[in-house]
Structures are given as structure tokens and as C-alpha cells.
PDB file of N, CA and C in Angstrom:
ATOM      1  N   MET A   1       4.001 -36.135  20.928  1.00  0.00           N
ATOM      2  CA  MET A   1       3.737 -34.739  21.242  1.00  0.00           C
ATOM      3  C   MET A   1       3.155 -34.050  20.000  1.00  0.00           C
ATOM      4  N   ALA A   2       2.072 -33.321  20.183  1.00  0.00           N
ATOM      5  CA  ALA A   2       1.422 -32.635  19.051  1.00  0.00           C
ATOM      6  C   ALA A   2       2.224 -31.428  18.633  1.00  0.00           C
ATOM      7  N   LYS A   3       2.287 -31.212  17.333  1.00  0.00           N
ATOM      8  CA  LYS A   3       3.008 -30.061  16.796  1.00  0.00           C
ATOM      9  C   LYS A   3       2.158 -28.801  16.991  1.00  0.00           C
ATOM     10  N   GLU A   4       2.796 -27.731  17.510  1.00  0.00           N
ATOM     11  CA  GLU A   4       2.074 -26.468  17.732  1.00  0.00           C
ATOM     12  C   GLU A   4       1.812 -25.772  16.414  1.00  0.00           C
ATOM     13  N   LYS A   5       0.664 -25.125  16.354  1.00  0.00           N
ATOM     14  CA  LYS A   5       0.318 -24.332  15.176  1.00  0.00           C
ATOM     15  C   LYS A   5       1.118 -23.029  15.222  1.00  0.00           C
ATOM     16  N   SER A   6       1.778 -22.679  14.135  1.00  0.00           N
ATOM     17  CA  SER A   6       2.541 -21.435  14.132  1.00  0.00           C
ATOM     18  C   SER A   6       1.606 -20.257  13.857  1.00  0.00           C
ATOM     19  N   ALA A   7       1.752 -19.213  14.624  1.00  0.00           N
ATOM     20  CA  ALA A   7       0.912 -18.030  14.482  1.00  0.00           C
ATOM     21  C   ALA A   7       1.642 -17.011  13.600  1.00  0.00           C
ATOM     22  N   PHE A   8       0.873 -16.226  12.881  1.00  0.00           N
ATOM     23  CA  PHE A   8       1.458 -15.153  12.086  1.00  0.00           C
ATOM     24  C   PHE A   8       1.881 -14.013  12.994  1.00  0.00           C
ATOM     25  N   PHE A   9       2.944 -13.318  12.589  1.00  0.00           N
ATOM     26  CA  PHE A   9       3.341 -12.088  13.252  1.00  0.00           C
ATOM     27  C   PHE A   9       2.199 -11.071  12.993  1.00  0.00           C
ATOM     28  N   THR A  10       1.858 -10.270  13.971  1.00  0.00           N
ATOM     29  CA  THR A  10       0.812  -9.281  13.781  1.00  0.00           C
ATOM     30  C   THR A  10       1.349  -7.895  14.037  1.00  0.00           C
ATOM     31  N   TYR A  11       0.738  -6.921  13.361  1.00  0.00           N
ATOM     32  CA  TYR A  11       1.010  -5.497  13.566  1.00  0.00           C
ATOM     33  C   TYR A  11      -0.324  -4.817  13.716  1.00  0.00           C
ATOM     34  N   LYS A  12      -0.515  -4.151  14.837  1.00  0.00           N
ATOM     35  CA  LYS A  12      -1.790  -3.513  15.166  1.00  0.00           C
ATOM     36  C   LYS A  12      -2.970  -4.464  15.037  1.00  0.00           C
ATOM     37  N   GLY A  13      -2.726  -5.713  15.418  1.00  0.00           N
ATOM     38  CA  GLY A  13      -3.796  -6.696  15.467  1.00  0.00           C
ATOM     39  C   GLY A  13      -4.079  -7.437  14.186  1.00  0.00           C
ATOM     40  N   LEU A  14      -3.385  -7.123  13.091  1.00  0.00           N
ATOM     41  CA  LEU A  14      -3.595  -7.805  11.820  1.00  0.00           C
ATOM     42  C   LEU A  14      -2.347  -8.579  11.407  1.00  0.00           C
ATOM     43  N   PRO A  15      -2.515  -9.704  10.726  1.00  0.00           N
ATOM     44  CA  PRO A  15      -1.365 -10.478  10.283  1.00  0.00           C
ATOM     45  C   PRO A  15      -0.472  -9.680   9.335  1.00  0.00           C
ATOM     46  N   LEU A  16       0.827  -9.846   9.515  1.00  0.00           N
ATOM     47  CA  LEU A  16       1.843  -9.259   8.615  1.00  0.00           C
ATOM     48  C   LEU A  16       2.774 -10.399   8.222  1.00  0.00           C
ATOM     49  N   VAL A  17       2.716 -10.788   6.955  1.00  0.00           N
ATOM     50  CA  VAL A  17       3.463 -11.940   6.469  1.00  0.00           C
ATOM     51  C   VAL A  17       4.448 -11.491   5.408  1.00  0.00           C
ATOM     52  N   ARG A  18       5.700 -11.952   5.517  1.00  0.00           N
ATOM     53  CA  ARG A  18       6.731 -11.578   4.558  1.00  0.00           C
ATOM     54  C   ARG A  18       7.344 -12.825   3.927  1.00  0.00           C
ATOM     55  N   LYS A  19       7.556 -12.693   2.622  1.00  0.00           N
ATOM     56  CA  LYS A  19       8.327 -13.700   1.894  1.00  0.00           C
ATOM     57  C   LYS A  19       9.212 -12.925   0.926  1.00  0.00           C
ATOM     58  N   GLY A  20      10.494 -12.938   1.195  1.00  0.00           N
ATOM     59  CA  GLY A  20      11.411 -12.171   0.373  1.00  0.00           C
ATOM     60  C   GLY A  20      11.118 -10.680   0.483  1.00  0.00           C
ATOM     61  N   ASN A  21      10.906 -10.035  -0.662  1.00  0.00           N
ATOM     62  CA  ASN A  21      10.637  -8.602  -0.686  1.00  0.00           C
ATOM     63  C   ASN A  21       9.138  -8.286  -0.707  1.00  0.00           C
ATOM     64  N   GLN A  22       8.295  -9.286  -0.550  1.00  0.00           N
ATOM     65  CA  GLN A  22       6.844  -9.108  -0.542  1.00  0.00           C
ATOM     66  C   GLN A  22       6.309  -9.232   0.866  1.00  0.00           C
ATOM     67  N   LEU A  23       5.435  -8.280   1.255  1.00  0.00           N
ATOM     68  CA  LEU A  23       4.746  -8.343   2.548  1.00  0.00           C
ATOM     69  C   LEU A  23       3.269  -8.222   2.309  1.00  0.00           C
ATOM     70  N   TYR A  24       2.497  -8.977   3.052  1.00  0.00           N
ATOM     71  CA  TYR A  24       1.024  -8.893   3.007  1.00  0.00           C
ATOM     72  C   TYR A  24       0.533  -8.533   4.393  1.00  0.00           C
ATOM     73  N   PHE A  25      -0.339  -7.521   4.445  1.00  0.00           N
ATOM     74  CA  PHE A  25      -0.860  -7.024   5.709  1.00  0.00           C
ATOM     75  C   PHE A  25      -2.372  -7.091   5.684  1.00  0.00           C
ATOM     76  N   GLY A  26      -2.951  -7.768   6.664  1.00  0.00           N
ATOM     77  CA  GLY A  26      -4.404  -7.888   6.752  1.00  0.00           C
ATOM     78  C   GLY A  26      -4.835  -9.331   6.724  1.00  0.00           C
ATOM     79  N   ASN A  27      -6.114  -9.531   6.976  1.00  0.00           N
ATOM     80  CA  ASN A  27      -6.717 -10.858   6.978  1.00  0.00           C
ATOM     81  C   ASN A  27      -7.245 -11.198   5.576  1.00  0.00           C
ATOM     82  N   MET A  28      -6.918 -12.364   5.101  1.00  0.00           N
ATOM     83  CA  MET A  28      -7.372 -12.764   3.761  1.00  0.00           C
ATOM     84  C   MET A  28      -8.891 -12.984   3.707  1.00  0.00           C
ATOM     85  N   TYR A  29      -9.544 -13.159   4.829  1.00  0.00           N
ATOM     86  CA  TYR A  29     -10.991 -13.316   4.819  1.00  0.00           C
ATOM     87  C   TYR A  29     -11.720 -11.978   4.891  1.00  0.00           C
ATOM     88  N   ASP A  30     -10.978 -10.851   5.053  1.00  0.00           N
ATOM     89  CA  ASP A  30     -11.583  -9.514   4.962  1.00  0.00           C
ATOM     90  C   ASP A  30     -11.716  -9.121   3.509  1.00  0.00           C
ATOM     91  N   GLU A  31     -12.387  -8.023   3.245  1.00  0.00           N
ATOM     92  CA  GLU A  31     -12.622  -7.552   1.871  1.00  0.00           C
ATOM     93  C   GLU A  31     -11.330  -7.145   1.158  1.00  0.00           C
ATOM     94  N   PHE A  32     -10.383  -6.542   1.914  1.00  0.00           N
ATOM     95  CA  PHE A  32      -9.122  -6.071   1.328  1.00  0.00           C
ATOM     96  C   PHE A  32      -7.941  -6.457   2.163  1.00  0.00           C
ATOM     97  N   VAL A  33      -6.789  -6.564   1.510  1.00  0.00           N
ATOM     98  CA  VAL A  33      -5.491  -6.672   2.180  1.00  0.00           C
ATOM     99  C   VAL A  33      -4.563  -5.671   1.481  1.00  0.00           C
ATOM    100  N   VAL A  34      -3.418  -5.411   2.088  1.00  0.00           N
ATOM    101  CA  VAL A  34      -2.433  -4.527   1.477  1.00  0.00           C
ATOM    102  C   VAL A  34      -1.185  -5.342   1.197  1.00  0.00           C
ATOM    103  N   GLN A  35      -0.721  -5.248  -0.037  1.00  0.00           N
ATOM    104  CA  GLN A  35       0.509  -5.908  -0.458  1.00  0.00           C
ATOM    105  C   GLN A  35       1.574  -4.832  -0.555  1.00  0.00           C
ATOM    106  N   MET A  36       2.742  -5.084   0.037  1.00  0.00           N
ATOM    107  CA  MET A  36       3.869  -4.143  -0.016  1.00  0.00           C
ATOM    108  C   MET A  36       5.056  -4.845  -0.664  1.00  0.00           C
ATOM    109  N   GLU A  37       5.677  -4.151  -1.571  1.00  0.00           N
ATOM    110  CA  GLU A  37       6.847  -4.691  -2.269  1.00  0.00           C
ATOM    111  C   GLU A  37       8.036  -3.786  -1.991  1.00  0.00           C
ATOM    112  N   ILE A  38       9.055  -4.341  -1.339  1.00  0.00           N
ATOM    113  CA  ILE A  38      10.281  -3.589  -1.085  1.00  0.00           C
ATOM    114  C   ILE A  38      11.057  -3.555  -2.413  1.00  0.00           C
ATOM    115  N   GLN A  39      11.179  -2.351  -2.967  1.00  0.00           N
ATOM    116  CA  GLN A  39      11.839  -2.232  -4.286  1.00  0.00           C
ATOM    117  C   GLN A  39      13.313  -1.937  -4.166  1.00  0.00           C
ATOM    118  N   SER A  40      13.745  -1.306  -3.053  1.00  0.00           N
ATOM    119  CA  SER A  40      15.177  -1.104  -2.833  1.00  0.00           C
ATOM    120  C   SER A  40      15.442  -0.906  -1.362  1.00  0.00           C
ATOM    121  N   THR A  41      16.698  -1.124  -0.980  1.00  0.00           N
ATOM    122  CA  THR A  41      17.120  -0.956   0.411  1.00  0.00           C
ATOM    123  C   THR A  41      18.410  -0.134   0.449  1.00  0.00           C
ATOM    124  N   LYS A  42      18.701   0.367   1.652  1.00  0.00           N
ATOM    125  CA  LYS A  42      19.963   1.057   1.871  1.00  0.00           C
ATOM    126  C   LYS A  42      20.525   0.591   3.198  1.00  0.00           C
ATOM    127  N   LYS A  43      21.794   0.744   3.366  1.00  0.00           N
ATOM    128  CA  LYS A  43      22.472   0.317   4.589  1.00  0.00           C
ATOM    129  C   LYS A  43      22.471   1.489   5.581  1.00  0.00           C
ATOM    130  N   VAL A  44      21.976   1.224   6.772  1.00  0.00           N
ATOM    131  CA  VAL A  44      22.024   2.185   7.882  1.00  0.00           C
ATOM    132  C   VAL A  44      22.805   1.492   8.993  1.00  0.00           C
ATOM    133  N   GLY A  45      24.024   1.892   9.169  1.00  0.00           N
ATOM    134  CA  GLY A  45      24.922   1.180  10.091  1.00  0.00           C
ATOM    135  C   GLY A  45      25.145  -0.207   9.551  1.00  0.00           C
ATOM    136  N   GLU A  46      24.807  -1.187  10.347  1.00  0.00           N
ATOM    137  CA  GLU A  46      24.970  -2.597   9.948  1.00  0.00           C
ATOM    138  C   GLU A  46      23.705  -3.224   9.373  1.00  0.00           C
ATOM    139  N   ILE A  47      22.596  -2.421   9.319  1.00  0.00           N
ATOM    140  CA  ILE A  47      21.282  -2.976   8.964  1.00  0.00           C
ATOM    141  C   ILE A  47      20.842  -2.486   7.586  1.00  0.00           C
ATOM    142  N   GLU A  48      20.259  -3.405   6.791  1.00  0.00           N
ATOM    143  CA  GLU A  48      19.620  -3.039   5.532  1.00  0.00           C
ATOM    144  C   GLU A  48      18.187  -2.617   5.818  1.00  0.00           C
ATOM    145  N   VAL A  49      17.811  -1.413   5.391  1.00  0.00           N
ATOM    146  CA  VAL A  49      16.437  -0.936   5.592  1.00  0.00           C
ATOM    147  C   VAL A  49      15.812  -0.581   4.255  1.00  0.00           C
ATOM    148  N   ALA A  50      14.509  -0.757   4.171  1.00  0.00           N
ATOM    149  CA  ALA A  50      13.779  -0.439   2.946  1.00  0.00           C
ATOM    150  C   ALA A  50      13.792   1.063   2.726  1.00  0.00           C
ATOM    151  N   ASP A  51      14.071   1.494   1.479  1.00  0.00           N
ATOM    152  CA  ASP A  51      13.984   2.938   1.187  1.00  0.00           C
ATOM    153  C   ASP A  51      13.060   3.225   0.000  1.00  0.00           C
ATOM    154  N   LYS A  52      12.520   2.217  -0.629  1.00  0.00           N
ATOM    155  CA  LYS A  52      11.490   2.382  -1.656  1.00  0.00           C
ATOM    156  C   LYS A  52      10.517   1.199  -1.512  1.00  0.00           C
ATOM    157  N   VAL A  53       9.256   1.538  -1.205  1.00  0.00           N
ATOM    158  CA  VAL A  53       8.250   0.494  -0.990  1.00  0.00           C
ATOM    159  C   VAL A  53       7.015   0.832  -1.813  1.00  0.00           C
ATOM    160  N   MET A  54       6.579  -0.081  -2.676  1.00  0.00           N
ATOM    161  CA  MET A  54       5.346   0.053  -3.444  1.00  0.00           C
ATOM    162  C   MET A  54       4.249  -0.598  -2.634  1.00  0.00           C
ATOM    163  N   ILE A  55       3.107   0.122  -2.480  1.00  0.00           N
ATOM    164  CA  ILE A  55       1.997  -0.344  -1.677  1.00  0.00           C
ATOM    165  C   ILE A  55       0.779  -0.514  -2.588  1.00  0.00           C
ATOM    166  N   ARG A  56       0.062  -1.623  -2.414  1.00  0.00           N
ATOM    167  CA  ARG A  56      -1.148  -1.877  -3.216  1.00  0.00           C
ATOM    168  C   ARG A  56      -2.264  -2.389  -2.316  1.00  0.00           C
ATOM    169  N   LYS A  57      -3.389  -1.699  -2.290  1.00  0.00           N
ATOM    170  CA  LYS A  57      -4.581  -2.200  -1.600  1.00  0.00           C
ATOM    171  C   LYS A  57      -5.293  -3.087  -2.601  1.00  0.00           C
ATOM    172  N   MET A  58      -5.567  -4.347  -2.207  1.00  0.00           N
ATOM    173  CA  MET A  58      -6.109  -5.308  -3.134  1.00  0.00           C
ATOM    174  C   MET A  58      -7.347  -5.988  -2.558  1.00  0.00           C
ATOM    175  N   SER A  59      -8.287  -6.273  -3.426  1.00  0.00           N
ATOM    176  CA  SER A  59      -9.462  -7.063  -3.055  1.00  0.00           C
ATOM    177  C   SER A  59      -9.010  -8.501  -2.855  1.00  0.00           C
ATOM    178  N   THR A  60      -9.658  -9.173  -1.900  1.00  0.00           N
ATOM    179  CA  THR A  60      -9.376 -10.600  -1.670  1.00  0.00           C
ATOM    180  C   THR A  60     -10.307 -11.483  -2.458  1.00  0.00           C
ATOM    181  N   ASP A  61     -11.191 -10.898  -3.280  1.00  0.00           N
ATOM    182  CA  ASP A  61     -12.133 -11.658  -4.090  1.00  0.00           C
ATOM    183  C   ASP A  61     -11.391 -12.392  -5.187  1.00  0.00           C
ATOM    184  N   MET A  62     -11.341 -13.698  -5.082  1.00  0.00           N
ATOM    185  CA  MET A  62     -10.564 -14.530  -6.016  1.00  0.00           C
ATOM    186  C   MET A  62     -11.194 -14.588  -7.404  1.00  0.00           C
ATOM    187  N   THR A  63     -12.422 -14.112  -7.587  1.00  0.00           N
ATOM    188  CA  THR A  63     -13.070 -14.141  -8.884  1.00  0.00           C
ATOM    189  C   THR A  63     -12.697 -12.932  -9.759  1.00  0.00           C
ATOM    190  N   ILE A  64     -12.004 -11.952  -9.151  1.00  0.00           N
ATOM    191  CA  ILE A  64     -11.623 -10.732  -9.868  1.00  0.00           C
ATOM    192  C   ILE A  64     -10.251 -10.921 -10.502  1.00  0.00           C
ATOM    193  N   ASN A  65     -10.089 -10.379 -11.696  1.00  0.00           N
ATOM    194  CA  ASN A  65      -8.794 -10.367 -12.378  1.00  0.00           C
ATOM    195  C   ASN A  65      -7.784  -9.682 -11.425  1.00  0.00           C
ATOM    196  N   PRO A  66      -6.587 -10.255 -11.239  1.00  0.00           N
ATOM    197  CA  PRO A  66      -5.602  -9.685 -10.293  1.00  0.00           C
ATOM    198  C   PRO A  66      -5.279  -8.205 -10.556  1.00  0.00           C
ATOM    199  N   ILE A  67      -5.238  -7.791 -11.798  1.00  0.00           N
ATOM    200  CA  ILE A  67      -4.954  -6.372 -12.106  1.00  0.00           C
ATOM    201  C   ILE A  67      -6.124  -5.505 -11.651  1.00  0.00           C
ATOM    202  N   GLU A  68      -7.347  -5.975 -11.849  1.00  0.00           N
ATOM    203  CA  GLU A  68      -8.528  -5.203 -11.441  1.00  0.00           C
ATOM    204  C   GLU A  68      -8.753  -5.237  -9.916  1.00  0.00           C
ATOM    205  N   ALA A  69      -8.122  -6.195  -9.247  1.00  0.00           N
ATOM    206  CA  ALA A  69      -8.272  -6.291  -7.782  1.00  0.00           C
ATOM    207  C   ALA A  69      -7.550  -5.161  -7.068  1.00  0.00           C
ATOM    208  N   ILE A  70      -6.581  -4.532  -7.723  1.00  0.00           N
ATOM    209  CA  ILE A  70      -5.839  -3.436  -7.102  1.00  0.00           C
ATOM    210  C   ILE A  70      -6.705  -2.174  -7.154  1.00  0.00           C
ATOM    211  N   VAL A  71      -7.010  -1.610  -5.972  1.00  0.00           N
ATOM    212  CA  VAL A  71      -7.892  -0.458  -5.908  1.00  0.00           C
ATOM    213  C   VAL A  71      -7.166   0.831  -5.541  1.00  0.00           C
ATOM    214  N   LYS A  72      -5.983   0.733  -4.931  1.00  0.00           N
ATOM    215  CA  LYS A  72      -5.174   1.895  -4.562  1.00  0.00           C
ATOM    216  C   LYS A  72      -3.710   1.531  -4.635  1.00  0.00           C
ATOM    217  N   THR A  73      -2.886   2.501  -5.016  1.00  0.00           N
ATOM    218  CA  THR A  73      -1.441   2.291  -4.971  1.00  0.00           C
ATOM    219  C   THR A  73      -0.752   3.543  -4.427  1.00  0.00           C
ATOM    220  N   ALA A  74       0.427   3.350  -3.892  1.00  0.00           N
ATOM    221  CA  ALA A  74       1.240   4.449  -3.418  1.00  0.00           C
ATOM    222  C   ALA A  74       2.680   3.957  -3.355  1.00  0.00           C
ATOM    223  N   LYS A  75       3.613   4.902  -3.287  1.00  0.00           N
ATOM    224  CA  LYS A  75       5.017   4.563  -3.141  1.00  0.00           C
ATOM    225  C   LYS A  75       5.549   5.373  -1.972  1.00  0.00           C
ATOM    226  N   LYS A  76       6.252   4.726  -1.048  1.00  0.00           N
ATOM    227  CA  LYS A  76       6.779   5.389   0.126  1.00  0.00           C
ATOM    228  C   LYS A  76       8.276   5.133   0.269  1.00  0.00           C
ATOM    229  N   ASP A  77       8.927   5.972   1.110  1.00  0.00           N
ATOM    230  CA  ASP A  77      10.371   5.918   1.259  1.00  0.00           C
ATOM    231  C   ASP A  77      10.839   5.122   2.488  1.00  0.00           C
ATOM    232  N   SER A  78       9.911   4.441   3.157  1.00  0.00           N
ATOM    233  CA  SER A  78      10.294   3.570   4.272  1.00  0.00           C
ATOM    234  C   SER A  78       9.185   2.565   4.541  1.00  0.00           C
ATOM    235  N   LEU A  79       9.567   1.473   5.185  1.00  0.00           N
ATOM    236  CA  LEU A  79       8.574   0.468   5.531  1.00  0.00           C
ATOM    237  C   LEU A  79       7.617   1.029   6.581  1.00  0.00           C
ATOM    238  N   TYR A  80       8.117   1.886   7.476  1.00  0.00           N
ATOM    239  CA  TYR A  80       7.237   2.501   8.485  1.00  0.00           C
ATOM    240  C   TYR A  80       6.142   3.314   7.814  1.00  0.00           C
ATOM    241  N   GLU A  81       6.508   4.150   6.848  1.00  0.00           N
ATOM    242  CA  GLU A  81       5.525   4.963   6.123  1.00  0.00           C
ATOM    243  C   GLU A  81       4.543   4.064   5.370  1.00  0.00           C
ATOM    244  N   ALA A  82       5.036   2.983   4.796  1.00  0.00           N
ATOM    245  CA  ALA A  82       4.169   2.047   4.071  1.00  0.00           C
ATOM    246  C   ALA A  82       3.168   1.411   5.012  1.00  0.00           C
ATOM    247  N   LEU A  83       3.611   0.969   6.195  1.00  0.00           N
ATOM    248  CA  LEU A  83       2.703   0.364   7.172  1.00  0.00           C
ATOM    249  C   LEU A  83       1.698   1.391   7.689  1.00  0.00           C
ATOM    250  N   ASP A  84       2.120   2.635   7.830  1.00  0.00           N
ATOM    251  CA  ASP A  84       1.217   3.692   8.267  1.00  0.00           C
ATOM    252  C   ASP A  84       0.077   3.882   7.280  1.00  0.00           C
ATOM    253  N   ILE A  85       0.399   3.919   5.985  1.00  0.00           N
ATOM    254  CA  ILE A  85      -0.603   4.042   4.929  1.00  0.00           C
ATOM    255  C   ILE A  85      -1.489   2.788   4.898  1.00  0.00           C
ATOM    256  N   ALA A  86      -0.870   1.611   5.033  1.00  0.00           N
ATOM    257  CA  ALA A  86      -1.630   0.342   5.012  1.00  0.00           C
ATOM    258  C   ALA A  86      -2.658   0.330   6.148  1.00  0.00           C
ATOM    259  N   CYS A  87      -2.271   0.791   7.315  1.00  0.00           N
ATOM    260  CA  CYS A  87      -3.205   0.835   8.448  1.00  0.00           C
ATOM    261  C   CYS A  87      -4.372   1.786   8.143  1.00  0.00           C
ATOM    262  N   ALA A  88      -4.073   2.916   7.568  1.00  0.00           N
ATOM    263  CA  ALA A  88      -5.131   3.889   7.211  1.00  0.00           C
ATOM    264  C   ALA A  88      -6.061   3.289   6.172  1.00  0.00           C
ATOM    265  N   TRP A  89      -5.514   2.611   5.159  1.00  0.00           N
ATOM    266  CA  TRP A  89      -6.326   2.018   4.127  1.00  0.00           C
ATOM    267  C   TRP A  89      -7.236   0.923   4.688  1.00  0.00           C
ATOM    268  N   LEU A  90      -6.743   0.177   5.653  1.00  0.00           N
ATOM    269  CA  LEU A  90      -7.545  -0.891   6.239  1.00  0.00           C
ATOM    270  C   LEU A  90      -8.289  -0.426   7.486  1.00  0.00           C
ATOM    271  N   ARG A  91      -8.094   0.849   7.844  1.00  0.00           N
ATOM    272  CA  ARG A  91      -8.729   1.475   9.012  1.00  0.00           C
ATOM    273  C   ARG A  91      -8.526   0.662  10.290  1.00  0.00           C
ATOM    274  N   VAL A  92      -7.274   0.383  10.597  1.00  0.00           N
ATOM    275  CA  VAL A  92      -6.925  -0.347  11.808  1.00  0.00           C
ATOM    276  C   VAL A  92      -6.781   0.636  12.947  1.00  0.00           C
TER     277      VAL A  92
END
């Protein structure tokens, strides 16, 4: 039996990939992606939710210095707000 290819989770039609406290939103073959870093969380009932998220719009051009690849930054108080900004930056 052939192994199925795993698909990325998508949000508003673009891939959203998480590893630990890092999330990447967008297609790596597009000009830009948005990297989100969960800097802190708080407990709401039984669930841990992000309450400080650093957002970085980055070029996917691998020839650019990683520091210079960052073209916009912002800090938000929830993952929802961070995704809202990320969508606007990528014009989804």
C-alpha cells in the first residue's frame, strides 16, 4: 500500500506550519512568508493561549542575508491578531 502524502494545515488557503513556538504562514515559493513566534502564553480555563506573538514578514529569497530578509515586524497580543496581520501582509 502506498503511503499517503501529508498535506499542510491551511488558513485562508495558505499553508500554516507550526514547530514548537514558531509558525510559518504562506507558500515558500511566493515572494514573502510570515513567521510568527509565540513569546508567551497564558492559561484560559484549561487551555494555554498565546498572549505575546512577534510577527515578521520575510522574503523567501535564499540569497538574501536572513536579517535583511525581514521587511516588516509587529507584536500582537493574540495568535488571532497575528494571523489577521499576516493575512493583510500577504493580501489573502
